[in-house]
Protein backbone atom coordinates (compact mmCIF):
# COMPACT_ATOMS: atom_id res chain seq x y z
CA MET A 1 -3.39 10.53 -13.45
CA LEU A 2 -6.64 12.45 -13.04
CA LEU A 3 -8.50 9.15 -12.65
CA VAL A 4 -5.89 8.00 -10.14
CA LYS A 5 -6.41 11.15 -8.08
CA ILE A 6 -10.17 10.71 -8.15
CA TYR A 7 -9.84 7.06 -7.11
CA TYR A 8 -7.74 7.88 -4.06
CA ILE A 9 -10.14 10.65 -3.04
CA VAL A 10 -13.12 8.28 -3.00
CA LYS A 11 -11.19 5.17 -1.89
CA PRO A 12 -11.75 5.73 1.87
CA LEU A 13 -15.51 5.70 1.20
CA LEU A 14 -15.45 2.35 -0.62
CA PRO A 15 -15.69 -0.98 1.23
CA ARG A 16 -12.52 -3.02 0.91
CA LYS A 17 -14.35 -5.79 -0.96
CA LEU A 18 -15.57 -3.28 -3.54
CA GLN A 19 -12.07 -1.82 -3.96
CA LEU A 20 -10.66 -5.27 -4.69
CA ALA A 21 -13.55 -6.17 -6.99
CA LEU A 22 -12.96 -3.04 -9.06
CA ARG A 23 -9.24 -3.73 -9.35
CA LYS A 24 -9.87 -7.35 -10.32
CA MET A 25 -12.33 -6.27 -13.01
CA ARG A 26 -9.80 -3.77 -14.34
CA ILE A 27 -7.07 -6.40 -14.57
CA LYS A 28 -9.36 -8.97 -16.19
CA ALA A 29 -10.28 -6.44 -18.88
CA LYS A 30 -6.69 -5.32 -19.49
CA LEU A 31 -4.88 -8.66 -19.35
CA PRO A 32 -5.60 -9.72 -22.99
CA LEU A 33 -4.41 -6.31 -24.22
CA TYR A 34 -1.05 -6.59 -22.48
CA LYS A 35 -0.15 -10.24 -23.06
CA ASN A 36 2.76 -9.20 -25.30
CA ILE A 37 4.35 -6.88 -22.72
CA TRP A 38 3.52 -8.62 -19.40
CA PRO A 39 5.01 -10.36 -17.53
CA VAL A 40 7.85 -10.18 -20.06
CA TYR A 41 8.53 -7.03 -22.06
CA ARG A 42 11.18 -8.26 -24.48
CA GLN A 43 12.70 -4.86 -25.28
CA ALA A 44 13.47 -4.44 -21.57
CA GLY A 45 16.25 -7.00 -21.96
CA GLN A 46 18.49 -4.62 -23.92
CA LYS A 47 21.66 -3.84 -22.02
CA PRO A 48 22.54 -0.20 -21.25
CA ALA A 49 25.16 1.51 -23.37
CA GLY A 50 28.61 0.88 -21.97
CA TRP A 51 27.39 -2.07 -19.88
CA THR A 52 30.31 -4.21 -18.61
CA GLY A 53 28.38 -6.73 -16.51
CA TRP A 54 27.76 -7.49 -12.85
CA PRO A 55 30.49 -7.79 -10.23
CA GLU A 56 32.31 -11.12 -9.92
CA ASN A 57 31.14 -12.04 -13.43
CA LYS A 58 27.76 -13.06 -12.08
CA LYS A 59 25.04 -13.97 -14.57
CA PHE A 60 22.35 -11.69 -13.08
CA ALA A 61 21.61 -9.57 -10.01
CA LEU A 62 19.05 -10.36 -7.28
CA LEU A 63 17.31 -7.93 -4.94
CA LEU A 64 14.53 -8.62 -2.43
CA THR A 65 12.48 -5.73 -1.01
CA HIS A 66 9.37 -5.47 1.18
CA ASP A 67 6.85 -2.63 1.52
CA VAL A 68 5.35 -2.78 5.02
CA GLU A 69 1.93 -1.18 4.78
CA SER A 70 0.52 -1.55 8.30
CA ASP A 71 1.09 -2.60 11.91
CA TYR A 72 -0.13 -6.02 10.86
CA GLY A 73 2.69 -6.28 8.32
CA GLN A 74 5.24 -4.87 10.75
CA ASP A 75 4.42 -7.67 13.20
CA LYS A 76 5.42 -10.22 10.54
CA CYS A 77 8.80 -8.75 9.67
CA GLU A 78 10.69 -10.94 12.16
CA ARG A 79 9.25 -14.09 10.57
CA VAL A 80 10.12 -12.87 7.08
CA MET A 81 13.67 -12.17 8.22
CA ALA A 82 13.90 -15.66 9.73
CA ILE A 83 12.85 -17.24 6.42
CA GLU A 84 15.50 -15.32 4.49
CA GLU A 85 18.25 -15.89 7.05
CA ARG A 86 17.58 -19.64 7.02
CA LEU A 87 17.94 -19.72 3.24
CA GLY A 88 20.92 -17.36 3.07
CA PHE A 89 19.19 -14.22 1.74
CA ARG A 90 18.90 -10.61 2.91
CA SER A 91 16.39 -7.92 1.95
CA ALA A 92 15.26 -4.33 2.51
CA PHE A 93 12.12 -3.28 4.43
CA TYR A 94 10.35 0.04 3.81
CA PHE A 95 8.11 1.51 6.51
CA VAL A 96 5.36 4.18 6.41
CA PRO A 97 6.36 6.81 9.02
CA GLU A 98 2.96 8.45 9.62
CA ARG A 99 0.50 5.61 9.04
CA TYR A 100 1.47 3.47 12.02
CA SER A 101 4.03 3.58 14.80
CA VAL A 102 7.27 2.28 13.30
CA CYS A 103 9.15 0.26 15.92
CA PRO A 104 12.68 1.65 16.45
CA VAL A 105 13.82 -1.65 18.00
CA LEU A 106 12.75 -3.51 14.85
CA ARG A 107 14.55 -0.99 12.62
CA ARG A 108 17.77 -1.34 14.60
CA ASN A 109 17.47 -5.12 14.67
CA LEU A 110 17.03 -5.25 10.90
CA VAL A 111 20.24 -3.33 10.30
CA LYS A 112 22.13 -5.29 12.94
CA ARG A 113 21.22 -8.56 11.23
CA GLY A 114 22.38 -7.36 7.81
CA PHE A 115 19.08 -6.18 6.35
CA GLU A 116 18.23 -2.68 5.15
CA VAL A 117 15.62 -0.07 6.12
CA GLY A 118 13.97 2.57 3.93
CA VAL A 119 11.02 4.96 3.85
CA HIS A 120 7.73 3.96 2.19
CA GLY A 121 6.04 7.29 1.46
CA LEU A 122 4.65 9.32 4.36
CA LYS A 123 0.98 8.43 4.95
CA HIS A 124 0.22 5.83 2.25
CA ASP A 125 -2.93 7.68 1.19
CA GLY A 126 -2.28 7.87 -2.57
CA LYS A 127 -1.91 11.66 -2.44
CA LEU A 128 1.87 12.09 -2.35
CA TYR A 129 2.07 13.32 -5.96
CA ASN A 130 -1.27 15.15 -6.17
CA SER A 131 0.41 18.55 -6.58
CA ARG A 132 3.93 19.93 -6.53
CA SER A 133 3.21 22.13 -3.52
CA ASP A 134 1.84 19.20 -1.50
CA PHE A 135 4.78 17.02 -2.49
CA ASP A 136 7.26 19.73 -1.47
CA LYS A 137 5.64 19.93 1.97
CA ARG A 138 5.61 16.19 2.43
CA SER A 139 9.16 15.81 1.14
CA VAL A 140 10.42 17.91 4.07
CA LYS A 141 8.94 15.36 6.48
CA ILE A 142 10.13 12.40 4.41
CA ASN A 143 13.66 13.80 4.45
CA LYS A 144 13.42 14.11 8.22
CA TYR A 145 12.63 10.41 8.54
CA LEU A 146 15.36 9.48 6.07
CA GLN A 147 17.86 11.29 8.27
CA GLU A 148 16.42 10.02 11.55
CA TRP A 149 16.46 6.42 10.34
CA ASP A 150 19.88 6.84 8.68
CA CYS A 151 18.67 5.42 5.37
CA ARG A 152 19.09 6.35 1.72
CA GLY A 153 16.25 4.60 -0.08
CA PHE A 154 12.64 5.48 -0.93
CA SER A 155 9.69 3.38 -2.08
CA SER A 156 6.52 5.19 -3.12
CA PRO A 157 3.15 3.80 -1.96
CA CYS A 158 0.97 2.35 -4.73
CA MET A 159 3.97 2.78 -7.06
CA LEU A 160 2.87 6.33 -7.86
CA HIS A 161 5.84 8.31 -9.09
CA ASN A 162 7.14 11.52 -10.57
CA LEU A 163 10.82 11.05 -11.23
CA GLU A 164 11.54 14.75 -11.37
CA TRP A 165 9.85 15.59 -8.08
CA THR A 166 11.54 12.63 -6.40
CA GLY A 167 14.77 14.59 -6.80
CA ASN A 168 13.61 16.68 -3.81
CA LEU A 169 14.28 13.73 -1.54
CA ASN A 170 17.68 13.22 0.06
CA ILE A 171 18.10 9.73 -1.33
CA GLN A 172 20.66 7.70 -3.19
CA TYR A 173 18.06 5.47 -4.82
CA ASP A 174 14.35 5.02 -5.48
CA ILE A 175 12.37 1.81 -6.09
CA SER A 176 9.05 3.27 -7.27
CA THR A 177 8.98 2.08 -10.89
CA TYR A 178 8.88 -1.22 -12.77
CA ASP A 179 10.17 -2.68 -16.01
CA THR A 180 6.57 -3.40 -17.05
CA ASP A 181 3.39 -3.46 -14.98
CA PRO A 182 0.26 -2.11 -16.68
CA PHE A 183 -1.87 -3.16 -13.70
CA GLU A 184 -0.55 -0.66 -11.20
CA PRO A 185 -2.76 2.45 -10.67
CA GLN A 186 -0.37 4.63 -12.66
CA GLY A 187 0.40 1.91 -15.20
CA GLY A 188 3.28 2.06 -17.65
CA CYS A 189 6.85 0.86 -17.59
CA ALA A 190 10.46 1.90 -17.18
CA GLY A 191 11.24 -0.45 -20.05
CA THR A 192 14.40 -2.01 -18.60
CA ILE A 193 15.52 -4.82 -16.29
CA PHE A 194 18.58 -2.77 -15.32
CA PRO A 195 18.97 0.12 -12.88
CA PHE A 196 19.32 3.61 -14.32
CA CYS A 197 20.20 7.10 -13.11
CA VAL A 198 17.85 10.06 -13.08
CA GLN A 199 18.73 13.75 -13.03
CA GLY A 200 17.15 17.02 -14.06
CA PHE A 201 17.56 19.15 -10.99
CA SER A 202 19.11 22.57 -10.53
CA ASN A 203 22.05 21.30 -8.49
CA GLY A 204 22.93 18.63 -11.06
CA SER A 205 22.51 15.77 -8.60
CA TYR A 206 21.10 12.38 -9.53
CA TYR A 207 19.78 9.23 -7.90
CA VAL A 208 19.66 5.60 -8.99
CA GLU A 209 16.28 4.20 -10.01
CA ILE A 210 15.90 0.47 -9.28
CA PRO A 211 12.71 -0.78 -10.95
CA TYR A 212 11.11 -3.97 -9.72
CA THR A 213 11.18 -6.60 -12.43
CA LEU A 214 9.10 -9.46 -11.01
CA PRO A 215 5.31 -9.05 -10.54
CA GLN A 216 4.29 -7.93 -7.06
CA ASP A 217 2.79 -10.56 -4.79
CA PHE A 218 -0.49 -8.68 -4.19
CA THR A 219 -1.12 -8.36 -7.93
CA LEU A 220 -0.25 -11.97 -8.66
CA PHE A 221 -1.99 -13.76 -5.80
CA ASN A 222 -4.72 -11.41 -4.56
CA LEU A 223 -5.92 -9.70 -7.72
CA MET A 224 -5.15 -12.32 -10.36
CA GLY A 225 -5.81 -15.35 -8.18
CA HIS A 226 -2.64 -17.32 -8.96
CA THR A 227 -1.95 -20.18 -6.57
CA ASP A 228 1.58 -21.03 -7.70
CA ILE A 229 4.86 -19.26 -8.56
CA ASP A 230 4.97 -20.14 -12.25
CA VAL A 231 4.90 -16.47 -13.34
CA TRP A 232 7.77 -15.59 -10.99
CA ILE A 233 9.81 -18.53 -12.30
CA LYS A 234 9.13 -17.69 -15.95
CA LYS A 235 10.19 -14.07 -15.44
CA LEU A 236 13.24 -14.94 -13.32
CA ASP A 237 14.52 -17.37 -15.95
CA TRP A 238 14.04 -14.74 -18.66
CA ILE A 239 15.90 -12.11 -16.62
CA ALA A 240 18.75 -14.53 -15.91
CA GLN A 241 18.98 -15.36 -19.61
CA HIS A 242 19.33 -11.65 -20.44
CA GLY A 243 21.74 -10.87 -17.62
CA GLY A 244 19.46 -8.34 -15.93
CA MET A 245 18.29 -7.53 -12.42
CA ALA A 246 15.70 -9.74 -10.71
CA HIS A 247 14.03 -7.42 -8.20
CA LEU A 248 11.10 -8.89 -6.26
CA LYS A 249 8.97 -6.54 -4.16
CA THR A 250 6.59 -8.21 -1.70
CA HIS A 251 4.45 -7.22 1.30
CA PRO A 252 4.70 -8.90 4.71
CA ASP A 253 1.11 -7.74 5.30
CA TYR A 254 -0.11 -10.46 2.94
CA PHE A 255 2.18 -13.30 4.03
CA GLY A 256 0.06 -16.06 5.57
CA PHE A 257 1.64 -18.28 8.22
CA GLY A 258 -1.39 -20.48 8.87
CA GLU A 259 -2.75 -18.78 11.96
CA ALA A 260 -6.46 -19.20 12.70
CA ASN A 261 -6.88 -15.43 12.90
CA GLY A 262 -5.18 -14.79 9.56
CA HIS A 263 -6.37 -12.06 7.20
CA ARG A 264 -8.54 -13.06 4.23
CA GLU A 265 -6.14 -11.32 1.81
CA GLU A 266 -3.16 -13.43 2.87
CA TYR A 267 -1.45 -15.93 0.61
CA PRO A 268 0.72 -18.82 1.87
CA ALA A 269 4.20 -17.62 2.85
CA SER A 270 5.33 -21.03 1.62
CA LEU A 271 5.07 -19.65 -1.95
CA TYR A 272 7.77 -17.10 -1.12
CA VAL A 273 9.88 -19.85 0.47
CA LYS A 274 9.42 -22.02 -2.61
CA PHE A 275 10.61 -19.21 -4.87
CA LEU A 276 13.74 -18.56 -2.80
CA GLU A 277 14.48 -22.27 -2.81
CA TYR A 278 14.10 -22.32 -6.59
CA ILE A 279 16.65 -19.51 -6.91
CA LYS A 280 19.13 -21.38 -4.72
CA ASP A 281 18.60 -24.75 -6.38
CA LYS A 282 18.91 -23.53 -9.97
CA TYR A 283 21.21 -20.52 -9.76
CA THR A 284 23.57 -20.93 -6.81
CA GLY A 285 26.86 -19.25 -7.72
CA HIS A 286 25.36 -17.42 -10.68
CA TYR A 287 23.62 -14.41 -9.12
CA TRP A 288 24.89 -11.28 -7.41
CA HIS A 289 22.62 -10.95 -4.37
CA VAL A 290 22.80 -7.49 -2.82
CA LEU A 291 20.78 -4.90 -0.93
CA PRO A 292 19.47 -1.82 -2.79
CA ASN A 293 22.13 0.34 -1.10
CA ASP A 294 24.81 -1.86 -2.65
CA MET A 295 23.12 -1.75 -6.06
CA ALA A 296 22.99 2.05 -5.94
CA ASP A 297 26.68 2.23 -4.96
CA PHE A 298 27.64 -0.14 -7.76
CA TYR A 299 25.66 1.64 -10.44
CA SER A 300 26.84 5.10 -9.35
CA ALA A 301 30.44 3.91 -9.48
CA SER A 302 29.98 2.26 -12.88
CA LEU A 303 28.47 5.49 -14.16
CA THR A 304 31.59 7.36 -13.08
CA ARG A 305 33.87 4.80 -14.76
CA SER A 306 32.01 4.65 -18.09
CA ALA A 307 32.13 7.61 -20.46
CA ASN A 308 29.28 6.05 -22.48
CA ARG A 309 26.80 5.63 -19.63
CA SER A 310 24.19 8.39 -19.61
CA ILE A 311 22.11 9.90 -16.84
CA ILE A 312 18.58 10.32 -18.15
CA ARG A 313 16.15 13.15 -17.61
CA PRO A 314 12.57 12.25 -16.71
CA SER A 315 11.31 14.06 -19.82
CA ALA A 316 13.66 12.29 -22.26
CA ILE A 317 12.33 11.35 -25.73
CA LEU A 318 10.60 7.99 -26.07
CA CYS A 319 11.87 5.39 -28.52
CA PRO A 320 9.59 4.32 -31.43
CA THR A 321 8.75 1.02 -29.73
CA CYS A 322 7.53 2.74 -26.58
CA LYS A 323 5.57 5.27 -28.62
CA ARG A 324 3.74 2.43 -30.38
CA LEU A 325 2.97 0.79 -27.06
CA ILE A 326 1.55 4.04 -25.75
CA GLU A 327 -0.61 4.47 -28.84
CA GLN A 328 -1.82 0.87 -28.79
CA ASN A 329 -2.20 0.28 -25.07
CA SER A 330 -2.33 3.74 -23.47
CA ILE A 331 0.65 3.09 -21.19
CA THR A 332 3.27 5.44 -19.83
CA CYS A 333 6.96 4.79 -20.46
CA PHE A 334 10.18 6.32 -19.15
CA THR A 335 13.54 6.28 -20.96
CA PRO A 336 16.08 4.52 -18.76
CA PHE A 337 19.07 4.16 -21.06
CA VAL A 338 20.52 4.70 -24.52
CA SER A 339 21.26 1.60 -26.58
CA ASN A 340 21.67 0.72 -30.26
CA GLY A 341 21.61 4.32 -31.31
CA HIS A 342 18.23 5.32 -29.91
CA THR A 343 16.68 6.09 -26.59
CA SER A 344 14.81 3.10 -25.17
């Protein structure tokens, strides 16, 4: 985390091309080391203790979320909505309150059309979790936007996270972790393709953590240079086989619609369309497609019904498998659930 802090201090001084080159070099060096835990981390397929399955006996769950990082991305939200509406999907969009002017008409239109709105950090400067005192100050403002926008979900910029501090936010759920993604700045994994509950606060409250389980678009297409959706398909099929939660987080900022003035970091939006079409063609009738709000409601209710389901603390003990991964690959791992007699 010290290196992460240093990076975000000097980041504004680095040309964008240099930033991307450094991240690409980092991934190229790390990829051979993590081939056994990315994109599939097999232990993440274990079901939580007391698990009784998804509603309606569906094979797996599907969530689509979007982090909107700039005005440029905000301007594309209508087109992303149109794609999903045409194919019969809905998603959640998370906006940065103090990085650009978030359009209230767009927010209202999203909700009216059956989509969801959430908060994506505060400034998107990589400094949200630099210190507890700074986070406490920023959390007051974040809570103000959560109330003003009438939303219950939070997505941390750059996937930086501190599950304990996040309890300061007035949220029902958080989407700032991942089942396995050693290429994010903070690295590590939540180690599960299921949601889990986090507590550890003085008032005994908890929130639902909904890790993303499919590689992010920016990592896959911009940093790794993939030109197809083979990795998404491979991971989706594995998640479906294990009855988990397929959660894809993308960024409208990088969707390319073929305009002459398009950004050089864009990838063809047709790849996203192709993936949604694959889901419909192969799995129609087999997936429970919901918004994060619905997932949080479902998991909170299932927690209440099941005496075996546990709410984890951010500092819970790591299982032997995760300890070995940390020793071998220097990754961080949370403990989302208890299964087979040990914390995983």
